[in-house]
Amino acid sequence: VLDYQGNFTRIDFTLDDFVGSLSIPELKHKVILGHVWTTFQVSESHGGTDIINNESNGETLYLGSKKSQCRFCFYQKDHEQRKRRGIPLEEAKVKNRFELRYRKEKAQSLAKIISHDLTKLFFELLNGAICFYDRDPNDLGAKVDAKWAAFISNYGAITISLDTIPQSFEKTMSWLIHGVSPSLVFIAQVDQTFHSSL
C-alpha cells in the first residue's frame, strides 16, 4: 500500500486476555497513585453499575486524550459481553481487551514498521508508552509491578515518531481561503466601521 502512496488514517491493535492476567481496576488505581511511567499526559477512566441487577458494567482505562494521535484503551471485555449478550462473566471467553489506537500521522508512521510478528510489535509499542510499578517509579527501590512484568514478558520497547508530511499547494490554498480570508474580511470591516487600522 505504501509503495502506491497509500495513506493510513487509523491503525488499531487489539490483544485479548483470555485468563485475566491483569486487573483493569488495579491498573486504574495505579494510575491514580502515580505508580506508572508513561509517555501519555492524560488518562481517564469509566465504570458503571447496573443498579437493578446490582452488577458492575465493567471498568475502562484510557491513556491519551480523545484528540491524541495515540490512545490506549484497556477494558473488561467479560463485563461488556455479559451486558451485550446476557452471559455470565465466567462464560465470557475474553476477560480483558487491550487496544492501541493510532491515528493520522502516527498511523502512517506505524504502517511503515508493521512486521509479520504483530504480537511482538504490540508489546513493543506498549512497552514504549507505559509501565506499571509497585510504587512511584521515581522512588528508590521501585520495581516493575510483578503482574505487569509477567504480562509484558521480555519484549523490547519502541516508540512511534511523527514524520513531517509536506503540505500540498492545494491544502495550503484551502487553508488560506477558508481559514485566513474570513478573518481578514472581518478585520477590514472592523477597520472601516471604527476608522481604525488593525
Protein backbone atom coordinates (compact mmCIF):
# COMPACT_ATOMS: atom_id res chain seq x y z
CA VAL A 1 0.00 0.00 0.00
CA LEU A 2 2.79 2.43 0.93
CA ASP A 3 4.52 1.67 -2.37
CA TYR A 4 1.49 3.21 -4.10
CA GLN A 5 1.44 6.29 -1.84
CA GLY A 6 -1.38 4.81 0.25
CA ASN A 7 -2.38 6.73 3.36
CA PHE A 8 -3.18 5.10 6.69
CA THR A 9 -5.53 7.29 8.72
CA ARG A 10 -6.07 4.81 11.57
CA ILE A 11 -4.49 1.59 12.82
CA ASP A 12 -5.75 -0.30 15.87
CA PHE A 13 -4.01 -3.19 17.57
CA THR A 14 -6.07 -5.38 19.88
CA LEU A 15 -4.91 -8.02 22.32
CA ASP A 16 -7.44 -10.22 24.08
CA ASP A 17 -6.60 -11.51 27.56
CA PHE A 18 -8.33 -14.89 27.98
CA VAL A 19 -7.16 -15.61 31.54
CA GLY A 20 -7.42 -12.26 33.31
CA SER A 21 -3.67 -11.67 33.53
CA LEU A 22 -4.24 -8.11 34.70
CA SER A 23 -6.95 -6.35 36.69
CA ILE A 24 -8.23 -3.22 34.95
CA PRO A 25 -9.44 -1.72 38.27
CA GLU A 26 -5.94 -2.29 39.71
CA LEU A 27 -4.32 -0.56 36.72
CA LYS A 28 -6.70 2.38 37.12
CA HIS A 29 -5.76 2.60 40.80
CA LYS A 30 -2.04 2.54 39.96
CA VAL A 31 -2.53 5.49 37.60
CA ILE A 32 -4.31 7.43 40.36
CA LEU A 33 -1.49 6.64 42.82
CA GLY A 34 1.20 7.57 40.30
CA HIS A 35 2.64 4.05 40.18
CA VAL A 36 3.18 4.36 36.47
CA TRP A 37 5.71 5.63 33.94
CA THR A 38 4.13 6.73 30.69
CA THR A 39 4.56 8.93 27.65
CA PHE A 40 0.91 9.93 27.95
CA GLN A 41 -0.08 13.17 29.66
CA VAL A 42 -3.75 12.36 30.20
CA SER A 43 -5.76 9.41 31.44
CA GLU A 44 -9.42 8.94 32.06
CA SER A 45 -11.49 6.06 33.32
CA HIS A 46 -15.06 4.94 33.18
CA GLY A 47 -17.12 2.43 35.04
CA GLY A 48 -20.78 1.81 35.50
CA THR A 49 -23.24 -0.20 37.53
CA ASP A 50 -26.45 -1.95 36.57
CA ILE A 51 -28.47 -0.74 39.54
CA ILE A 52 -31.39 -3.11 39.01
CA ASN A 53 -29.20 -6.23 39.00
CA ASN A 54 -26.52 -4.75 41.31
CA GLU A 55 -23.77 -5.68 38.84
CA SER A 56 -20.74 -3.81 37.57
CA ASN A 57 -20.80 -2.94 33.88
CA GLY A 58 -17.02 -3.12 33.89
CA GLU A 59 -14.11 -0.71 34.10
CA THR A 60 -12.28 1.07 31.29
CA LEU A 61 -8.95 2.88 31.42
CA TYR A 62 -7.99 5.30 28.66
CA LEU A 63 -4.44 6.62 28.24
CA GLY A 64 -4.08 9.65 25.99
CA SER A 65 -6.67 12.25 25.10
CA LYS A 66 -9.54 11.75 22.67
CA LYS A 67 -7.84 14.09 20.20
CA SER A 68 -4.43 12.45 20.54
CA GLN A 69 -2.90 10.59 17.61
CA CYS A 70 -2.16 7.73 20.01
CA ARG A 71 -4.62 6.47 22.59
CA PHE A 72 -4.71 3.22 24.55
CA CYS A 73 -7.90 1.67 25.87
CA PHE A 74 -7.90 -1.18 28.43
CA TYR A 75 -11.28 -2.61 29.42
CA GLN A 76 -13.08 -5.55 30.99
CA LYS A 77 -14.41 -7.37 27.94
CA ASP A 78 -16.19 -10.03 30.02
CA HIS A 79 -18.43 -7.37 31.61
CA GLU A 80 -19.19 -5.94 28.18
CA GLN A 81 -20.17 -9.40 26.92
CA ARG A 82 -22.41 -10.02 29.92
CA LYS A 83 -24.21 -6.76 29.22
CA ARG A 84 -24.45 -7.20 25.43
CA ARG A 85 -25.06 -10.95 25.19
CA GLY A 86 -26.56 -11.67 28.59
CA ILE A 87 -24.00 -14.34 29.51
CA PRO A 88 -22.46 -14.92 32.95
CA LEU A 89 -18.96 -13.47 33.47
CA GLU A 90 -17.41 -16.92 33.82
CA GLU A 91 -18.71 -17.93 30.37
CA ALA A 92 -17.10 -15.00 28.57
CA LYS A 93 -14.04 -16.24 26.68
CA VAL A 94 -12.21 -12.90 26.77
CA LYS A 95 -11.62 -11.35 30.20
CA ASN A 96 -9.86 -8.11 29.21
CA ARG A 97 -9.12 -6.31 25.97
CA PHE A 98 -6.14 -4.03 25.37
CA GLU A 99 -6.41 -1.69 22.39
CA LEU A 100 -3.65 0.51 20.99
CA ARG A 101 -5.19 3.13 18.69
CA TYR A 102 -3.13 5.21 16.27
CA ARG A 103 -4.49 7.99 14.06
CA LYS A 104 -3.31 10.37 11.37
CA GLU A 105 0.48 10.82 11.10
CA LYS A 106 1.16 8.30 13.89
CA ALA A 107 -0.84 5.67 11.97
CA GLN A 108 1.12 6.48 8.82
CA SER A 109 4.43 6.16 10.70
CA LEU A 110 3.31 2.90 12.29
CA ALA A 111 2.33 1.45 8.92
CA LYS A 112 5.96 1.73 7.84
CA ILE A 113 7.20 -0.59 10.59
CA ILE A 114 4.45 -3.22 10.71
CA SER A 115 6.03 -6.65 10.51
CA HIS A 116 4.73 -10.18 10.36
CA ASP A 117 5.09 -10.61 14.13
CA LEU A 118 2.20 -8.45 15.29
CA THR A 119 2.31 -9.80 18.87
CA LYS A 120 5.91 -8.65 19.25
CA LEU A 121 5.04 -5.24 17.76
CA PHE A 122 2.04 -4.89 20.10
CA PHE A 123 4.13 -5.48 23.21
CA GLU A 124 6.99 -3.27 21.98
CA LEU A 125 4.55 -0.41 21.41
CA LEU A 126 3.00 -0.99 24.83
CA ASN A 127 6.46 -1.09 26.49
CA GLY A 128 7.49 2.10 24.73
CA ALA A 129 4.49 4.00 26.13
CA ILE A 130 3.68 2.69 29.61
CA CYS A 131 4.96 0.64 32.53
CA PHE A 132 3.27 -0.04 35.87
CA TYR A 133 5.27 -0.17 39.12
CA ASP A 134 4.82 -1.34 42.70
CA ARG A 135 5.18 2.32 43.83
CA ASP A 136 6.15 5.69 42.36
CA PRO A 137 8.75 4.81 39.69
CA ASN A 138 10.97 7.67 40.95
CA ASP A 139 11.22 6.11 44.43
CA LEU A 140 14.45 4.34 45.27
CA GLY A 141 13.87 0.60 45.01
CA ALA A 142 10.76 0.87 42.83
CA LYS A 143 10.18 -2.30 40.83
CA VAL A 144 8.04 -3.10 37.84
CA ASP A 145 4.72 -4.50 39.05
CA ALA A 146 5.01 -8.32 39.08
CA LYS A 147 1.76 -8.91 37.17
CA TRP A 148 2.69 -6.28 34.59
CA ALA A 149 6.16 -7.83 34.17
CA ALA A 150 4.63 -11.27 33.61
CA PHE A 151 2.14 -9.83 31.12
CA ILE A 152 4.69 -7.80 29.17
CA SER A 153 7.28 -10.63 29.21
CA ASN A 154 10.73 -9.94 27.73
CA TYR A 155 9.70 -7.75 24.81
CA GLY A 156 11.67 -4.63 23.95
CA ALA A 157 10.26 -1.14 23.56
CA ILE A 158 9.68 1.12 20.58
CA THR A 159 8.01 4.48 20.12
CA ILE A 160 6.40 5.93 17.03
CA SER A 161 7.77 9.27 15.92
CA LEU A 162 5.90 11.64 13.71
CA ASP A 163 7.05 12.05 10.15
CA THR A 164 6.87 15.55 8.78
CA ILE A 165 4.42 15.40 5.93
CA PRO A 166 4.84 18.22 3.43
CA GLN A 167 1.67 20.19 2.85
CA SER A 168 0.33 20.23 -0.68
CA PHE A 169 -0.26 23.51 -2.50
CA GLU A 170 -3.99 22.69 -2.64
CA LYS A 171 -4.17 22.16 1.13
CA THR A 172 -2.34 25.43 1.80
CA MET A 173 -4.65 27.34 -0.57
CA SER A 174 -7.71 25.77 1.06
CA TRP A 175 -6.44 26.90 4.48
CA LEU A 176 -5.88 30.45 3.18
CA ILE A 177 -9.31 30.64 1.56
CA HIS A 178 -11.33 29.03 4.34
CA GLY A 179 -9.26 29.80 7.43
CA VAL A 180 -7.45 33.10 6.86
CA SER A 181 -9.61 35.02 4.38
CA PRO A 182 -12.75 35.24 6.56
CA SER A 183 -10.65 36.71 9.38
CA LEU A 184 -9.09 39.28 7.05
CA VAL A 185 -12.54 40.30 5.76
CA PHE A 186 -13.76 40.71 9.36
CA ILE A 187 -10.73 42.85 10.29
CA ALA A 188 -11.29 45.04 7.20
CA GLN A 189 -14.95 45.55 8.19
CA VAL A 190 -13.95 46.48 11.77
CA ASP A 191 -11.35 48.94 10.41
CA GLN A 192 -13.93 50.52 8.11
CA THR A 193 -16.63 50.76 10.81
CA PHE A 194 -14.38 52.17 13.55
CA HIS A 195 -11.90 54.04 11.32
CA SER A 196 -9.04 52.01 12.73
CA SER A 197 -6.18 50.12 11.19
CA LEU A 198 -5.82 46.72 12.83
